[in-house]
Amino acid sequence: MGGPQQPPGTLGRSRAELGCPLQRGGVLKDARVVDDGDVVTAGAVTSGIDLALHLVRRELGADLAVRVENLVEYERRGTVWQR
């Protein structure tokens, strides 16, 4: 995980186990994907797909991200938190 202010992204049922990062000054975000600029996290298998599609959108544009969604027959879902 990044520096002490890095907001973690995690699987929903694992949130209770995040006491340590939160005690170091981290902020838990209620989001499927957390984009802190240079560090991007997600919590589980399908949220990892959402993370990848978010990066395609962020780096290469929305049109290509939609084309990739169609190609892999997956529609992004959930919240993306960005700093």
PDB file of N, CA and C in Angstrom:
ATOM      1  N   MET A   1       0.847  -1.161   0.000  1.00  0.00           N
ATOM      2  CA  MET A   1       0.000   0.000   0.000  1.00  0.00           C
ATOM      3  C   MET A   1       0.893   1.224   0.000  1.00  0.00           C
ATOM      4  N   GLY A   2       0.409   2.337  -0.514  1.00  0.00           N
ATOM      5  CA  GLY A   2       1.181   3.566  -0.621  1.00  0.00           C
ATOM      6  C   GLY A   2       1.472   4.180   0.734  1.00  0.00           C
ATOM      7  N   GLY A   3       1.738   5.465   0.748  1.00  0.00           N
ATOM      8  CA  GLY A   3       2.070   6.191   1.966  1.00  0.00           C
ATOM      9  C   GLY A   3       0.941   6.186   2.966  1.00  0.00           C
ATOM     10  N   PRO A   4       1.139   6.830   4.096  1.00  0.00           N
ATOM     11  CA  PRO A   4       0.153   6.776   5.182  1.00  0.00           C
ATOM     12  C   PRO A   4      -1.202   7.378   4.822  1.00  0.00           C
ATOM     13  N   GLN A   5      -1.273   8.221   3.821  1.00  0.00           N
ATOM     14  CA  GLN A   5      -2.551   8.830   3.447  1.00  0.00           C
ATOM     15  C   GLN A   5      -3.232   8.103   2.291  1.00  0.00           C
ATOM     16  N   GLN A   6      -2.672   6.980   1.850  1.00  0.00           N
ATOM     17  CA  GLN A   6      -3.229   6.234   0.723  1.00  0.00           C
ATOM     18  C   GLN A   6      -4.580   5.642   1.095  1.00  0.00           C
ATOM     19  N   PRO A   7      -5.674   6.015   0.389  1.00  0.00           N
ATOM     20  CA  PRO A   7      -6.969   5.417   0.684  1.00  0.00           C
ATOM     21  C   PRO A   7      -7.042   4.001   0.132  1.00  0.00           C
ATOM     22  N   PRO A   8      -7.322   3.009   0.969  1.00  0.00           N
ATOM     23  CA  PRO A   8      -7.356   1.623   0.494  1.00  0.00           C
ATOM     24  C   PRO A   8      -8.654   1.277  -0.225  1.00  0.00           C
ATOM     25  N   GLY A   9      -8.562   0.352  -1.139  1.00  0.00           N
ATOM     26  CA  GLY A   9      -9.736  -0.253  -1.749  1.00  0.00           C
ATOM     27  C   GLY A   9      -9.706  -1.723  -1.379  1.00  0.00           C
ATOM     28  N   THR A  10     -10.836  -2.306  -1.035  1.00  0.00           N
ATOM     29  CA  THR A  10     -10.831  -3.693  -0.601  1.00  0.00           C
ATOM     30  C   THR A  10     -12.161  -4.359  -0.840  1.00  0.00           C
ATOM     31  N   LEU A  11     -12.145  -5.659  -0.741  1.00  0.00           N
ATOM     32  CA  LEU A  11     -13.352  -6.460  -0.786  1.00  0.00           C
ATOM     33  C   LEU A  11     -14.235  -6.064   0.392  1.00  0.00           C
ATOM     34  N   GLY A  12     -15.507  -5.864   0.147  1.00  0.00           N
ATOM     35  CA  GLY A  12     -16.420  -5.369   1.169  1.00  0.00           C
ATOM     36  C   GLY A  12     -16.367  -6.091   2.494  1.00  0.00           C
ATOM     37  N   ARG A  13     -16.320  -7.417   2.476  1.00  0.00           N
ATOM     38  CA  ARG A  13     -16.346  -8.147   3.740  1.00  0.00           C
ATOM     39  C   ARG A  13     -15.006  -8.086   4.482  1.00  0.00           C
ATOM     40  N   SER A  14     -13.966  -7.529   3.878  1.00  0.00           N
ATOM     41  CA  SER A  14     -12.666  -7.407   4.535  1.00  0.00           C
ATOM     42  C   SER A  14     -12.446  -6.047   5.176  1.00  0.00           C
ATOM     43  N   ARG A  15     -13.400  -5.165   5.076  1.00  0.00           N
ATOM     44  CA  ARG A  15     -13.227  -3.805   5.597  1.00  0.00           C
ATOM     45  C   ARG A  15     -12.913  -3.761   7.087  1.00  0.00           C
ATOM     46  N   ALA A  16     -13.476  -4.675   7.848  1.00  0.00           N
ATOM     47  CA  ALA A  16     -13.234  -4.675   9.302  1.00  0.00           C
ATOM     48  C   ALA A  16     -11.773  -4.956   9.626  1.00  0.00           C
ATOM     49  N   GLU A  17     -11.067  -5.619   8.729  1.00  0.00           N
ATOM     50  CA  GLU A  17      -9.669  -5.965   8.969  1.00  0.00           C
ATOM     51  C   GLU A  17      -8.705  -4.832   8.629  1.00  0.00           C
ATOM     52  N   LEU A  18      -9.218  -3.667   8.226  1.00  0.00           N
ATOM     53  CA  LEU A  18      -8.361  -2.566   7.795  1.00  0.00           C
ATOM     54  C   LEU A  18      -8.016  -1.599   8.918  1.00  0.00           C
ATOM     55  N   GLY A  19      -8.126  -2.015  10.150  1.00  0.00           N
ATOM     56  CA  GLY A  19      -7.810  -1.119  11.265  1.00  0.00           C
ATOM     57  C   GLY A  19      -6.408  -0.573  11.204  1.00  0.00           C
ATOM     58  N   CYS A  20      -5.434  -1.389  10.854  1.00  0.00           N
ATOM     59  CA  CYS A  20      -4.041  -0.953  10.833  1.00  0.00           C
ATOM     60  C   CYS A  20      -3.805   0.190   9.848  1.00  0.00           C
ATOM     61  N   PRO A  21      -4.178   0.072   8.550  1.00  0.00           N
ATOM     62  CA  PRO A  21      -3.965   1.202   7.648  1.00  0.00           C
ATOM     63  C   PRO A  21      -4.719   2.447   8.092  1.00  0.00           C
ATOM     64  N   LEU A  22      -5.903   2.260   8.652  1.00  0.00           N
ATOM     65  CA  LEU A  22      -6.687   3.416   9.081  1.00  0.00           C
ATOM     66  C   LEU A  22      -6.046   4.094  10.282  1.00  0.00           C
ATOM     67  N   GLN A  23      -5.426   3.318  11.170  1.00  0.00           N
ATOM     68  CA  GLN A  23      -4.748   3.903  12.322  1.00  0.00           C
ATOM     69  C   GLN A  23      -3.532   4.708  11.900  1.00  0.00           C
ATOM     70  N   ARG A  24      -2.960   4.421  10.742  1.00  0.00           N
ATOM     71  CA  ARG A  24      -1.797   5.152  10.245  1.00  0.00           C
ATOM     72  C   ARG A  24      -2.214   6.385   9.455  1.00  0.00           C
ATOM     73  N   GLY A  25      -3.465   6.726   9.449  1.00  0.00           N
ATOM     74  CA  GLY A  25      -3.910   7.935   8.763  1.00  0.00           C
ATOM     75  C   GLY A  25      -4.593   7.698   7.440  1.00  0.00           C
ATOM     76  N   GLY A  26      -4.763   6.442   7.038  1.00  0.00           N
ATOM     77  CA  GLY A  26      -5.463   6.151   5.795  1.00  0.00           C
ATOM     78  C   GLY A  26      -6.947   6.461   5.931  1.00  0.00           C
ATOM     79  N   VAL A  27      -7.623   6.588   4.800  1.00  0.00           N
ATOM     80  CA  VAL A  27      -9.053   6.877   4.775  1.00  0.00           C
ATOM     81  C   VAL A  27      -9.718   5.801   3.930  1.00  0.00           C
ATOM     82  N   LEU A  28     -10.635   5.054   4.518  1.00  0.00           N
ATOM     83  CA  LEU A  28     -11.350   4.010   3.797  1.00  0.00           C
ATOM     84  C   LEU A  28     -12.395   4.654   2.895  1.00  0.00           C
ATOM     85  N   LYS A  29     -12.355   4.339   1.617  1.00  0.00           N
ATOM     86  CA  LYS A  29     -13.311   4.877   0.649  1.00  0.00           C
ATOM     87  C   LYS A  29     -14.335   3.808   0.308  1.00  0.00           C
ATOM     88  N   ASP A  30     -15.594   4.205   0.237  1.00  0.00           N
ATOM     89  CA  ASP A  30     -16.663   3.291  -0.135  1.00  0.00           C
ATOM     90  C   ASP A  30     -16.766   3.292  -1.658  1.00  0.00           C
ATOM     91  N   ALA A  31     -15.828   2.608  -2.298  1.00  0.00           N
ATOM     92  CA  ALA A  31     -15.773   2.586  -3.756  1.00  0.00           C
ATOM     93  C   ALA A  31     -15.229   1.240  -4.217  1.00  0.00           C
ATOM     94  N   ARG A  32     -15.658   0.845  -5.385  1.00  0.00           N
ATOM     95  CA  ARG A  32     -15.205  -0.417  -5.973  1.00  0.00           C
ATOM     96  C   ARG A  32     -13.761  -0.297  -6.456  1.00  0.00           C
ATOM     97  N   VAL A  33     -13.401   0.877  -6.974  1.00  0.00           N
ATOM     98  CA  VAL A  33     -12.050   1.175  -7.440  1.00  0.00           C
ATOM     99  C   VAL A  33     -11.619   2.483  -6.801  1.00  0.00           C
ATOM    100  N   VAL A  34     -10.401   2.515  -6.276  1.00  0.00           N
ATOM    101  CA  VAL A  34      -9.846   3.732  -5.665  1.00  0.00           C
ATOM    102  C   VAL A  34      -8.641   4.154  -6.497  1.00  0.00           C
ATOM    103  N   ASP A  35      -8.726   5.360  -7.083  1.00  0.00           N
ATOM    104  CA  ASP A  35      -7.670   5.901  -7.946  1.00  0.00           C
ATOM    105  C   ASP A  35      -7.064   7.105  -7.251  1.00  0.00           C
ATOM    106  N   ASP A  36      -5.871   6.907  -6.706  1.00  0.00           N
ATOM    107  CA  ASP A  36      -5.172   7.968  -5.980  1.00  0.00           C
ATOM    108  C   ASP A  36      -4.143   8.661  -6.875  1.00  0.00           C
ATOM    109  N   GLY A  37      -4.272   8.499  -8.170  1.00  0.00           N
ATOM    110  CA  GLY A  37      -3.348   9.118  -9.108  1.00  0.00           C
ATOM    111  C   GLY A  37      -2.269   8.157  -9.554  1.00  0.00           C
ATOM    112  N   ASP A  38      -1.293   7.894  -8.695  1.00  0.00           N
ATOM    113  CA  ASP A  38      -0.221   6.979  -9.070  1.00  0.00           C
ATOM    114  C   ASP A  38      -0.437   5.563  -8.543  1.00  0.00           C
ATOM    115  N   VAL A  39      -1.392   5.383  -7.644  1.00  0.00           N
ATOM    116  CA  VAL A  39      -1.732   4.057  -7.122  1.00  0.00           C
ATOM    117  C   VAL A  39      -3.233   3.857  -7.308  1.00  0.00           C
ATOM    118  N   VAL A  40      -3.593   2.722  -7.927  1.00  0.00           N
ATOM    119  CA  VAL A  40      -5.004   2.396  -8.146  1.00  0.00           C
ATOM    120  C   VAL A  40      -5.248   1.022  -7.546  1.00  0.00           C
ATOM    121  N   THR A  41      -6.295   0.893  -6.718  1.00  0.00           N
ATOM    122  CA  THR A  41      -6.584  -0.382  -6.059  1.00  0.00           C
ATOM    123  C   THR A  41      -8.025  -0.800  -6.299  1.00  0.00           C
ATOM    124  N   ALA A  42      -8.251  -2.102  -6.170  1.00  0.00           N
ATOM    125  CA  ALA A  42      -9.588  -2.680  -6.246  1.00  0.00           C
ATOM    126  C   ALA A  42      -9.597  -3.882  -5.322  1.00  0.00           C
ATOM    127  N   GLY A  43     -10.789  -4.374  -4.990  1.00  0.00           N
ATOM    128  CA  GLY A  43     -10.868  -5.354  -3.938  1.00  0.00           C
ATOM    129  C   GLY A  43     -11.010  -6.813  -4.303  1.00  0.00           C
ATOM    130  N   ALA A  44     -11.487  -7.149  -5.476  1.00  0.00           N
ATOM    131  CA  ALA A  44     -11.750  -8.559  -5.775  1.00  0.00           C
ATOM    132  C   ALA A  44     -11.622  -8.796  -7.274  1.00  0.00           C
ATOM    133  N   VAL A  45     -11.973  -9.981  -7.714  1.00  0.00           N
ATOM    134  CA  VAL A  45     -11.762 -10.369  -9.109  1.00  0.00           C
ATOM    135  C   VAL A  45     -12.486  -9.436 -10.081  1.00  0.00           C
ATOM    136  N   THR A  46     -13.793  -9.310  -9.972  1.00  0.00           N
ATOM    137  CA  THR A  46     -14.507  -8.485 -10.944  1.00  0.00           C
ATOM    138  C   THR A  46     -14.229  -7.001 -10.746  1.00  0.00           C
ATOM    139  N   SER A  47     -13.924  -6.571  -9.528  1.00  0.00           N
ATOM    140  CA  SER A  47     -13.545  -5.165  -9.363  1.00  0.00           C
ATOM    141  C   SER A  47     -12.173  -4.910  -9.988  1.00  0.00           C
ATOM    142  N   GLY A  48     -11.363  -5.962 -10.135  1.00  0.00           N
ATOM    143  CA  GLY A  48     -10.107  -5.842 -10.875  1.00  0.00           C
ATOM    144  C   GLY A  48     -10.361  -5.582 -12.352  1.00  0.00           C
ATOM    145  N   ILE A  49     -11.408  -6.182 -12.893  1.00  0.00           N
ATOM    146  CA  ILE A  49     -11.806  -5.892 -14.274  1.00  0.00           C
ATOM    147  C   ILE A  49     -12.268  -4.444 -14.369  1.00  0.00           C
ATOM    148  N   ASP A  50     -13.045  -3.994 -13.375  1.00  0.00           N
ATOM    149  CA  ASP A  50     -13.474  -2.594 -13.342  1.00  0.00           C
ATOM    150  C   ASP A  50     -12.272  -1.655 -13.266  1.00  0.00           C
ATOM    151  N   LEU A  51     -11.266  -2.036 -12.486  1.00  0.00           N
ATOM    152  CA  LEU A  51     -10.043  -1.245 -12.382  1.00  0.00           C
ATOM    153  C   LEU A  51      -9.368  -1.146 -13.752  1.00  0.00           C
ATOM    154  N   ALA A  52      -9.230  -2.267 -14.440  1.00  0.00           N
ATOM    155  CA  ALA A  52      -8.592  -2.263 -15.759  1.00  0.00           C
ATOM    156  C   ALA A  52      -9.358  -1.379 -16.745  1.00  0.00           C
ATOM    157  N   LEU A  53     -10.670  -1.488 -16.747  1.00  0.00           N
ATOM    158  CA  LEU A  53     -11.476  -0.658 -17.637  1.00  0.00           C
ATOM    159  C   LEU A  53     -11.378   0.820 -17.259  1.00  0.00           C
ATOM    160  N   HIS A  54     -11.286   1.103 -15.964  1.00  0.00           N
ATOM    161  CA  HIS A  54     -11.093   2.489 -15.528  1.00  0.00           C
ATOM    162  C   HIS A  54      -9.775   3.039 -16.065  1.00  0.00           C
ATOM    163  N   LEU A  55      -8.709   2.229 -16.000  1.00  0.00           N
ATOM    164  CA  LEU A  55      -7.409   2.688 -16.498  1.00  0.00           C
ATOM    165  C   LEU A  55      -7.428   2.904 -18.008  1.00  0.00           C
ATOM    166  N   VAL A  56      -8.125   2.028 -18.739  1.00  0.00           N
ATOM    167  CA  VAL A  56      -8.262   2.236 -20.180  1.00  0.00           C
ATOM    168  C   VAL A  56      -8.964   3.563 -20.432  1.00  0.00           C
ATOM    169  N   ARG A  57     -10.040   3.814 -19.692  1.00  0.00           N
ATOM    170  CA  ARG A  57     -10.793   5.068 -19.839  1.00  0.00           C
ATOM    171  C   ARG A  57      -9.913   6.263 -19.473  1.00  0.00           C
ATOM    172  N   ARG A  58      -9.212   6.176 -18.354  1.00  0.00           N
ATOM    173  CA  ARG A  58      -8.388   7.289 -17.873  1.00  0.00           C
ATOM    174  C   ARG A  58      -7.239   7.603 -18.826  1.00  0.00           C
ATOM    175  N   GLU A  59      -6.578   6.560 -19.320  1.00  0.00           N
ATOM    176  CA  GLU A  59      -5.368   6.755 -20.125  1.00  0.00           C
ATOM    177  C   GLU A  59      -5.633   6.861 -21.626  1.00  0.00           C
ATOM    178  N   LEU A  60      -6.670   6.178 -22.120  1.00  0.00           N
ATOM    179  CA  LEU A  60      -6.872   6.079 -23.567  1.00  0.00           C
ATOM    180  C   LEU A  60      -8.218   6.600 -24.051  1.00  0.00           C
ATOM    181  N   GLY A  61      -9.122   6.939 -23.111  1.00  0.00           N
ATOM    182  CA  GLY A  61     -10.385   7.545 -23.497  1.00  0.00           C
ATOM    183  C   GLY A  61     -11.591   6.636 -23.346  1.00  0.00           C
ATOM    184  N   ALA A  62     -12.742   7.283 -23.227  1.00  0.00           N
ATOM    185  CA  ALA A  62     -14.006   6.585 -22.989  1.00  0.00           C
ATOM    186  C   ALA A  62     -14.415   5.704 -24.167  1.00  0.00           C
ATOM    187  N   ASP A  63     -14.172   6.169 -25.395  1.00  0.00           N
ATOM    188  CA  ASP A  63     -14.583   5.378 -26.563  1.00  0.00           C
ATOM    189  C   ASP A  63     -13.899   4.020 -26.581  1.00  0.00           C
ATOM    190  N   LEU A  64     -12.586   4.005 -26.331  1.00  0.00           N
ATOM    191  CA  LEU A  64     -11.867   2.734 -26.319  1.00  0.00           C
ATOM    192  C   LEU A  64     -12.317   1.863 -25.147  1.00  0.00           C
ATOM    193  N   ALA A  65     -12.573   2.472 -23.993  1.00  0.00           N
ATOM    194  CA  ALA A  65     -13.032   1.698 -22.835  1.00  0.00           C
ATOM    195  C   ALA A  65     -14.356   0.998 -23.137  1.00  0.00           C
ATOM    196  N   VAL A  66     -15.256   1.686 -23.803  1.00  0.00           N
ATOM    197  CA  VAL A  66     -16.544   1.071 -24.170  1.00  0.00           C
ATOM    198  C   VAL A  66     -16.319  -0.048 -25.182  1.00  0.00           C
ATOM    199  N   ARG A  67     -15.404   0.142 -26.112  1.00  0.00           N
ATOM    200  CA  ARG A  67     -15.100  -0.920 -27.083  1.00  0.00           C
ATOM    201  C   ARG A  67     -14.540  -2.157 -26.386  1.00  0.00           C
ATOM    202  N   VAL A  68     -13.677  -1.951 -25.391  1.00  0.00           N
ATOM    203  CA  VAL A  68     -13.132  -3.088 -24.636  1.00  0.00           C
ATOM    204  C   VAL A  68     -14.241  -3.775 -23.849  1.00  0.00           C
ATOM    205  N   GLU A  69     -15.114  -2.989 -23.203  1.00  0.00           N
ATOM    206  CA  GLU A  69     -16.262  -3.577 -22.486  1.00  0.00           C
ATOM    207  C   GLU A  69     -17.067  -4.476 -23.413  1.00  0.00           C
ATOM    208  N   ASN A  70     -17.337  -3.989 -24.611  1.00  0.00           N
ATOM    209  CA  ASN A  70     -18.112  -4.780 -25.578  1.00  0.00           C
ATOM    210  C   ASN A  70     -17.351  -6.028 -26.003  1.00  0.00           C
ATOM    211  N   LEU A  71     -16.053  -5.892 -26.211  1.00  0.00           N
ATOM    212  CA  LEU A  71     -15.228  -7.021 -26.640  1.00  0.00           C
ATOM    213  C   LEU A  71     -15.230  -8.146 -25.607  1.00  0.00           C
ATOM    214  N   VAL A  72     -15.105  -7.788 -24.325  1.00  0.00           N
ATOM    215  CA  VAL A  72     -15.052  -8.811 -23.272  1.00  0.00           C
ATOM    216  C   VAL A  72     -16.423  -9.111 -22.677  1.00  0.00           C
ATOM    217  N   GLU A  73     -17.454  -8.460 -23.227  1.00  0.00           N
ATOM    218  CA  GLU A  73     -18.836  -8.652 -22.773  1.00  0.00           C
ATOM    219  C   GLU A  73     -18.973  -8.442 -21.274  1.00  0.00           C
ATOM    220  N   TYR A  74     -18.467  -7.301 -20.826  1.00  0.00           N
ATOM    221  CA  TYR A  74     -18.525  -6.935 -19.404  1.00  0.00           C
ATOM    222  C   TYR A  74     -18.831  -5.459 -19.323  1.00  0.00           C
ATOM    223  N   GLU A  75     -19.773  -5.088 -18.461  1.00  0.00           N
ATOM    224  CA  GLU A  75     -20.133  -3.688 -18.268  1.00  0.00           C
ATOM    225  C   GLU A  75     -19.600  -3.214 -16.920  1.00  0.00           C
ATOM    226  N   ARG A  76     -18.817  -2.135 -16.947  1.00  0.00           N
ATOM    227  CA  ARG A  76     -18.280  -1.595 -15.691  1.00  0.00           C
ATOM    228  C   ARG A  76     -19.420  -1.271 -14.756  1.00  0.00           C
ATOM    229  N   ARG A  77     -19.151  -1.463 -13.453  1.00  0.00           N
ATOM    230  CA  ARG A  77     -20.175  -1.132 -12.451  1.00  0.00           C
ATOM    231  C   ARG A  77     -19.498  -0.645 -11.190  1.00  0.00           C
ATOM    232  N   GLY A  78     -20.280  -0.052 -10.344  1.00  0.00           N
ATOM    233  CA  GLY A  78     -19.752   0.423  -9.072  1.00  0.00           C
ATOM    234  C   GLY A  78     -19.114   1.793  -9.167  1.00  0.00           C
ATOM    235  N   THR A  79     -18.683   2.264  -8.023  1.00  0.00           N
ATOM    236  CA  THR A  79     -18.117   3.596  -7.892  1.00  0.00           C
ATOM    237  C   THR A  79     -16.610   3.569  -8.065  1.00  0.00           C
ATOM    238  N   VAL A  80     -16.093   4.576  -8.780  1.00  0.00           N
ATOM    239  CA  VAL A  80     -14.655   4.805  -8.856  1.00  0.00           C
ATOM    240  C   VAL A  80     -14.384   6.092  -8.102  1.00  0.00           C
ATOM    241  N   TRP A  81     -13.540   6.016  -7.069  1.00  0.00           N
ATOM    242  CA  TRP A  81     -13.146   7.211  -6.330  1.00  0.00           C
ATOM    243  C   TRP A  81     -11.824   7.692  -6.895  1.00  0.00           C
ATOM    244  N   GLN A  82     -11.758   8.991  -7.218  1.00  0.00           N
ATOM    245  CA  GLN A  82     -10.523   9.566  -7.737  1.00  0.00           C
ATOM    246  C   GLN A  82     -10.124  10.779  -6.904  1.00  0.00           C
ATOM    247  N   ARG A  83      -8.829  10.866  -6.645  1.00  0.00           N
ATOM    248  CA  ARG A  83      -8.297  12.046  -5.940  1.00  0.00           C
ATOM    249  C   ARG A  83      -8.239  13.180  -6.915  1.00  0.00           C
TER     250      ARG A  83
END
